[in-house]
């Protein structure tokens, strides 16, 4: 795996995204920035039924330490409580009726 990652870092295009065998986990090549070299990051982005990312950009993790920090935040019960309260305050998404196909019945 390390050799494949090194090859992707060397030959991948800036901002190129590669899927992994773990749904919702992608490898992203980040370009050079203010003198810092190009690097790889993990992007967490939920996928649809076909395996395509559901968001334009997901959560970027640049190191194992960042993952540990996010785990602490995500496991805090207060975050779940906050999100439940936000869900109850926000307007409910409209559910669109399924459109019937415009066909001529024979």
N, C-alpha and C. Protein backbone atom coordinates (compact mmCIF):
# COMPACT_ATOMS: atom_id res chain seq x y z
N UNK A 1 0.83 -1.19 0.00
CA UNK A 1 0.00 0.00 0.00
C UNK A 1 0.88 1.25 0.00
N UNK A 2 1.96 1.24 0.76
CA UNK A 2 2.82 2.42 0.84
C UNK A 2 3.40 2.79 -0.52
N UNK A 3 3.76 1.78 -1.32
CA UNK A 3 4.31 2.05 -2.65
C UNK A 3 3.26 2.70 -3.55
N UNK A 4 2.02 2.22 -3.47
CA UNK A 4 0.94 2.81 -4.28
C UNK A 4 0.68 4.25 -3.87
N UNK A 5 0.71 4.51 -2.57
CA UNK A 5 0.51 5.88 -2.08
C UNK A 5 1.64 6.79 -2.54
N UNK A 6 2.88 6.30 -2.47
CA UNK A 6 4.03 7.09 -2.91
C UNK A 6 3.93 7.40 -4.40
N UNK A 7 3.49 6.42 -5.19
CA UNK A 7 3.34 6.64 -6.63
C UNK A 7 2.24 7.67 -6.91
N UNK A 8 1.14 7.60 -6.16
CA UNK A 8 0.06 8.57 -6.33
C UNK A 8 0.53 9.97 -5.96
N UNK A 9 1.30 10.09 -4.90
CA UNK A 9 1.84 11.39 -4.49
C UNK A 9 2.75 11.95 -5.58
N UNK A 10 3.53 11.08 -6.20
CA UNK A 10 4.48 11.51 -7.22
C UNK A 10 3.80 11.86 -8.54
N UNK A 11 2.86 11.02 -8.99
CA UNK A 11 2.32 11.19 -10.34
C UNK A 11 0.87 11.66 -10.40
N UNK A 12 0.18 11.73 -9.28
CA UNK A 12 -1.21 12.18 -9.29
C UNK A 12 -1.33 13.67 -9.58
N UNK A 13 -2.47 14.06 -10.11
CA UNK A 13 -2.72 15.49 -10.38
C UNK A 13 -3.16 16.17 -9.09
N UNK A 14 -2.91 17.48 -9.01
CA UNK A 14 -3.35 18.25 -7.84
C UNK A 14 -4.86 18.10 -7.67
N UNK A 15 -5.29 17.86 -6.46
CA UNK A 15 -6.68 17.69 -6.06
C UNK A 15 -7.33 16.42 -6.63
N UNK A 16 -6.52 15.52 -7.18
CA UNK A 16 -7.08 14.26 -7.68
C UNK A 16 -7.54 13.41 -6.50
N UNK A 17 -8.67 12.76 -6.67
CA UNK A 17 -9.28 11.93 -5.63
C UNK A 17 -9.28 10.48 -6.10
N UNK A 18 -8.79 9.59 -5.24
CA UNK A 18 -8.80 8.15 -5.54
C UNK A 18 -9.66 7.46 -4.49
N UNK A 19 -10.50 6.55 -4.95
CA UNK A 19 -11.31 5.77 -4.04
C UNK A 19 -10.49 4.70 -3.35
N UNK A 20 -11.03 4.18 -2.27
CA UNK A 20 -10.40 3.07 -1.56
C UNK A 20 -11.43 1.95 -1.44
N UNK A 21 -11.02 0.84 -0.87
CA UNK A 21 -11.95 -0.28 -0.69
C UNK A 21 -12.90 -0.03 0.48
N UNK A 22 -12.70 1.04 1.22
CA UNK A 22 -13.58 1.41 2.32
C UNK A 22 -14.54 2.50 1.83
N UNK A 23 -15.84 2.20 1.71
CA UNK A 23 -16.79 3.19 1.18
C UNK A 23 -16.76 4.49 1.99
N UNK A 24 -16.69 5.61 1.28
CA UNK A 24 -16.68 6.91 1.93
C UNK A 24 -15.30 7.42 2.29
N UNK A 25 -14.27 6.63 2.02
CA UNK A 25 -12.89 7.03 2.32
C UNK A 25 -12.13 7.17 1.01
N UNK A 26 -11.57 8.35 0.78
CA UNK A 26 -10.84 8.65 -0.44
C UNK A 26 -9.46 9.18 -0.09
N UNK A 27 -8.51 9.00 -1.03
CA UNK A 27 -7.19 9.60 -0.90
C UNK A 27 -7.18 10.82 -1.82
N UNK A 28 -6.72 11.94 -1.31
CA UNK A 28 -6.73 13.19 -2.05
C UNK A 28 -5.30 13.73 -2.13
N UNK A 29 -4.86 14.07 -3.34
CA UNK A 29 -3.54 14.68 -3.50
C UNK A 29 -3.69 16.19 -3.38
N UNK A 30 -3.05 16.73 -2.37
CA UNK A 30 -3.10 18.17 -2.14
C UNK A 30 -1.86 18.81 -2.78
N UNK A 31 -2.03 19.95 -3.44
CA UNK A 31 -0.90 20.58 -4.14
C UNK A 31 0.07 21.26 -3.17
N UNK A 32 1.20 21.69 -3.72
CA UNK A 32 2.14 22.47 -2.91
C UNK A 32 1.44 23.76 -2.50
N UNK A 33 1.81 24.26 -1.31
CA UNK A 33 1.15 25.46 -0.81
C UNK A 33 2.15 26.25 0.04
N UNK A 34 2.43 27.45 -0.38
CA UNK A 34 3.32 28.36 0.35
C UNK A 34 4.62 27.67 0.77
N UNK A 35 5.23 26.99 -0.16
CA UNK A 35 6.51 26.36 0.11
C UNK A 35 6.42 24.96 0.70
N UNK A 36 5.25 24.57 1.17
CA UNK A 36 5.09 23.20 1.69
C UNK A 36 4.93 22.25 0.51
N UNK A 37 5.53 21.08 0.58
CA UNK A 37 5.45 20.15 -0.56
C UNK A 37 4.05 19.57 -0.72
N UNK A 38 3.80 19.01 -1.89
CA UNK A 38 2.53 18.30 -2.11
C UNK A 38 2.43 17.17 -1.10
N UNK A 39 1.21 16.85 -0.72
CA UNK A 39 1.01 15.78 0.26
C UNK A 39 -0.31 15.08 0.02
N UNK A 40 -0.46 13.94 0.64
CA UNK A 40 -1.71 13.19 0.55
C UNK A 40 -2.52 13.42 1.82
N UNK A 41 -3.82 13.35 1.67
CA UNK A 41 -4.73 13.44 2.81
C UNK A 41 -5.84 12.43 2.59
N UNK A 42 -6.55 12.13 3.65
CA UNK A 42 -7.72 11.26 3.57
C UNK A 42 -8.94 12.17 3.56
N UNK A 43 -9.87 11.89 2.67
CA UNK A 43 -11.13 12.62 2.63
C UNK A 43 -12.24 11.67 3.03
N UNK A 44 -13.02 12.06 4.02
CA UNK A 44 -14.20 11.30 4.44
C UNK A 44 -15.41 11.96 3.81
N UNK A 45 -16.13 11.21 3.00
CA UNK A 45 -17.26 11.77 2.27
C UNK A 45 -18.26 10.65 2.03
N UNK A 46 -19.43 10.69 2.68
CA UNK A 46 -20.41 9.63 2.47
C UNK A 46 -20.70 9.42 0.99
N UNK A 47 -21.02 8.19 0.63
CA UNK A 47 -21.27 7.85 -0.77
C UNK A 47 -22.72 7.44 -0.97
N UNK A 48 -23.18 7.55 -2.23
CA UNK A 48 -24.53 7.12 -2.58
C UNK A 48 -24.51 5.62 -2.89
N UNK A 49 -25.63 5.12 -3.41
CA UNK A 49 -25.77 3.69 -3.69
C UNK A 49 -24.75 3.18 -4.70
N UNK A 50 -24.30 4.07 -5.58
CA UNK A 50 -23.38 3.70 -6.65
C UNK A 50 -21.92 3.84 -6.20
N UNK A 51 -21.68 4.49 -5.06
CA UNK A 51 -20.32 4.67 -4.57
C UNK A 51 -19.73 6.03 -4.86
N UNK A 52 -20.55 6.96 -5.38
CA UNK A 52 -20.07 8.32 -5.66
C UNK A 52 -20.20 9.18 -4.40
N UNK A 53 -19.26 10.10 -4.19
CA UNK A 53 -19.36 11.00 -3.03
C UNK A 53 -20.64 11.82 -3.09
N UNK A 54 -21.25 12.04 -1.93
CA UNK A 54 -22.50 12.80 -1.88
C UNK A 54 -22.27 14.30 -1.72
N UNK A 55 -21.07 14.70 -1.35
CA UNK A 55 -20.74 16.12 -1.17
C UNK A 55 -19.59 16.48 -2.10
N UNK A 56 -19.50 17.77 -2.42
CA UNK A 56 -18.39 18.22 -3.27
C UNK A 56 -17.06 18.00 -2.55
N UNK A 57 -16.99 18.34 -1.30
CA UNK A 57 -15.81 18.11 -0.47
C UNK A 57 -16.24 17.51 0.85
N UNK A 58 -15.48 16.56 1.31
CA UNK A 58 -15.74 15.94 2.59
C UNK A 58 -14.82 16.52 3.66
N UNK A 59 -14.67 15.77 4.74
CA UNK A 59 -13.78 16.16 5.82
C UNK A 59 -12.38 15.67 5.48
N UNK A 60 -11.40 16.57 5.52
CA UNK A 60 -10.02 16.20 5.21
C UNK A 60 -9.25 15.89 6.48
N UNK A 61 -8.55 14.78 6.46
CA UNK A 61 -7.68 14.39 7.57
C UNK A 61 -6.26 14.30 7.03
N UNK A 62 -5.36 15.06 7.63
CA UNK A 62 -3.98 15.10 7.13
C UNK A 62 -3.04 14.23 7.94
N UNK A 63 -3.49 13.73 9.09
CA UNK A 63 -2.61 12.91 9.93
C UNK A 63 -3.44 12.04 10.86
N UNK A 64 -2.78 11.05 11.44
CA UNK A 64 -3.44 10.19 12.43
C UNK A 64 -3.84 11.00 13.66
N UNK A 65 -3.04 12.01 14.00
CA UNK A 65 -3.36 12.87 15.15
C UNK A 65 -4.67 13.63 14.92
N UNK A 66 -4.89 14.10 13.69
CA UNK A 66 -6.16 14.78 13.38
C UNK A 66 -7.34 13.84 13.54
N UNK A 67 -7.17 12.59 13.11
CA UNK A 67 -8.25 11.60 13.27
C UNK A 67 -8.58 11.42 14.75
N UNK A 68 -7.57 11.34 15.59
CA UNK A 68 -7.79 11.20 17.03
C UNK A 68 -8.56 12.40 17.58
N UNK A 69 -8.19 13.60 17.14
CA UNK A 69 -8.89 14.81 17.58
C UNK A 69 -10.36 14.78 17.15
N UNK A 70 -10.61 14.40 15.90
CA UNK A 70 -11.99 14.32 15.41
C UNK A 70 -12.78 13.26 16.16
N UNK A 71 -12.15 12.12 16.46
CA UNK A 71 -12.85 11.06 17.20
C UNK A 71 -13.34 11.58 18.54
N UNK A 72 -12.49 12.37 19.22
CA UNK A 72 -12.88 12.94 20.51
C UNK A 72 -14.11 13.83 20.36
N UNK A 73 -14.08 14.67 19.35
CA UNK A 73 -15.20 15.59 19.12
C UNK A 73 -16.47 14.82 18.77
N UNK A 74 -16.35 13.86 17.85
CA UNK A 74 -17.52 13.13 17.38
C UNK A 74 -18.13 12.22 18.44
N UNK A 75 -17.32 11.78 19.39
CA UNK A 75 -17.85 10.88 20.42
C UNK A 75 -18.46 11.63 21.60
N UNK A 76 -18.35 12.94 21.63
CA UNK A 76 -18.93 13.73 22.71
C UNK A 76 -20.45 13.75 22.56
N UNK A 77 -21.14 13.33 23.59
CA UNK A 77 -22.61 13.24 23.58
C UNK A 77 -23.26 14.61 23.33
N UNK A 78 -22.57 15.68 23.72
CA UNK A 78 -23.13 17.02 23.53
C UNK A 78 -23.27 17.37 22.06
N UNK A 79 -22.39 16.83 21.22
CA UNK A 79 -22.50 17.08 19.78
C UNK A 79 -23.78 16.47 19.23
N UNK A 80 -24.08 15.24 19.62
CA UNK A 80 -25.31 14.59 19.17
C UNK A 80 -26.52 15.39 19.65
N UNK A 81 -26.50 15.84 20.89
CA UNK A 81 -27.60 16.64 21.43
C UNK A 81 -27.76 17.94 20.64
N UNK A 82 -26.65 18.60 20.33
CA UNK A 82 -26.69 19.83 19.55
C UNK A 82 -27.31 19.58 18.18
N UNK A 83 -26.88 18.51 17.51
CA UNK A 83 -27.41 18.22 16.17
C UNK A 83 -28.89 17.87 16.21
N UNK A 84 -29.34 17.17 17.24
CA UNK A 84 -30.77 16.87 17.37
C UNK A 84 -31.57 18.16 17.54
N UNK A 85 -31.04 19.10 18.33
CA UNK A 85 -31.72 20.38 18.50
C UNK A 85 -31.73 21.18 17.20
N UNK A 86 -30.64 21.15 16.47
CA UNK A 86 -30.59 21.83 15.17
C UNK A 86 -31.61 21.21 14.22
N UNK A 87 -31.70 19.87 14.21
CA UNK A 87 -32.68 19.19 13.36
C UNK A 87 -34.10 19.64 13.69
N UNK A 88 -34.40 19.82 14.97
CA UNK A 88 -35.76 20.20 15.34
C UNK A 88 -36.06 21.66 15.00
N UNK A 89 -35.06 22.52 14.96
CA UNK A 89 -35.25 23.94 14.67
C UNK A 89 -35.27 24.20 13.16
N UNK A 90 -34.44 23.50 12.42
CA UNK A 90 -34.36 23.72 10.97
C UNK A 90 -35.66 23.32 10.27
N UNK A 91 -35.98 24.01 9.17
CA UNK A 91 -37.15 23.60 8.39
C UNK A 91 -36.93 22.20 7.81
N UNK A 92 -37.99 21.45 7.74
CA UNK A 92 -37.90 20.09 7.19
C UNK A 92 -37.70 20.17 5.69
N UNK A 93 -36.87 19.30 5.13
CA UNK A 93 -36.69 19.30 3.67
C UNK A 93 -37.97 18.89 2.98
N UNK A 94 -38.21 19.53 1.84
CA UNK A 94 -39.42 19.19 1.08
C UNK A 94 -39.22 17.85 0.39
N UNK A 95 -40.23 17.04 0.46
CA UNK A 95 -40.19 15.76 -0.24
C UNK A 95 -40.95 15.96 -1.54
N UNK A 96 -40.23 15.82 -2.64
CA UNK A 96 -40.86 16.01 -3.94
C UNK A 96 -41.61 14.75 -4.34
N UNK A 97 -42.78 14.97 -4.91
CA UNK A 97 -43.55 13.84 -5.41
C UNK A 97 -42.84 13.27 -6.63
N UNK A 98 -42.91 11.95 -6.74
CA UNK A 98 -42.32 11.33 -7.92
C UNK A 98 -43.12 11.73 -9.14
N UNK A 99 -42.41 12.22 -10.13
CA UNK A 99 -43.09 12.62 -11.36
C UNK A 99 -43.37 11.38 -12.18
N UNK A 100 -44.59 11.33 -12.69
CA UNK A 100 -44.94 10.22 -13.56
C UNK A 100 -44.34 10.49 -14.93
N UNK A 101 -43.79 9.46 -15.56
CA UNK A 101 -43.20 9.68 -16.88
C UNK A 101 -44.25 10.16 -17.87
N UNK A 102 -43.83 11.06 -18.73
CA UNK A 102 -44.71 11.62 -19.75
C UNK A 102 -44.72 10.68 -20.94
N UNK A 103 -45.58 9.67 -20.83
CA UNK A 103 -45.66 8.68 -21.91
C UNK A 103 -47.09 8.57 -22.41
N UNK A 104 -47.23 8.04 -23.58
CA UNK A 104 -48.56 7.79 -24.14
C UNK A 104 -48.87 6.33 -23.91
N UNK A 105 -49.91 6.10 -23.16
CA UNK A 105 -50.32 4.72 -22.87
C UNK A 105 -51.04 4.15 -24.08
N UNK A 106 -50.64 2.98 -24.53
CA UNK A 106 -51.27 2.33 -25.69
C UNK A 106 -52.21 1.23 -25.27
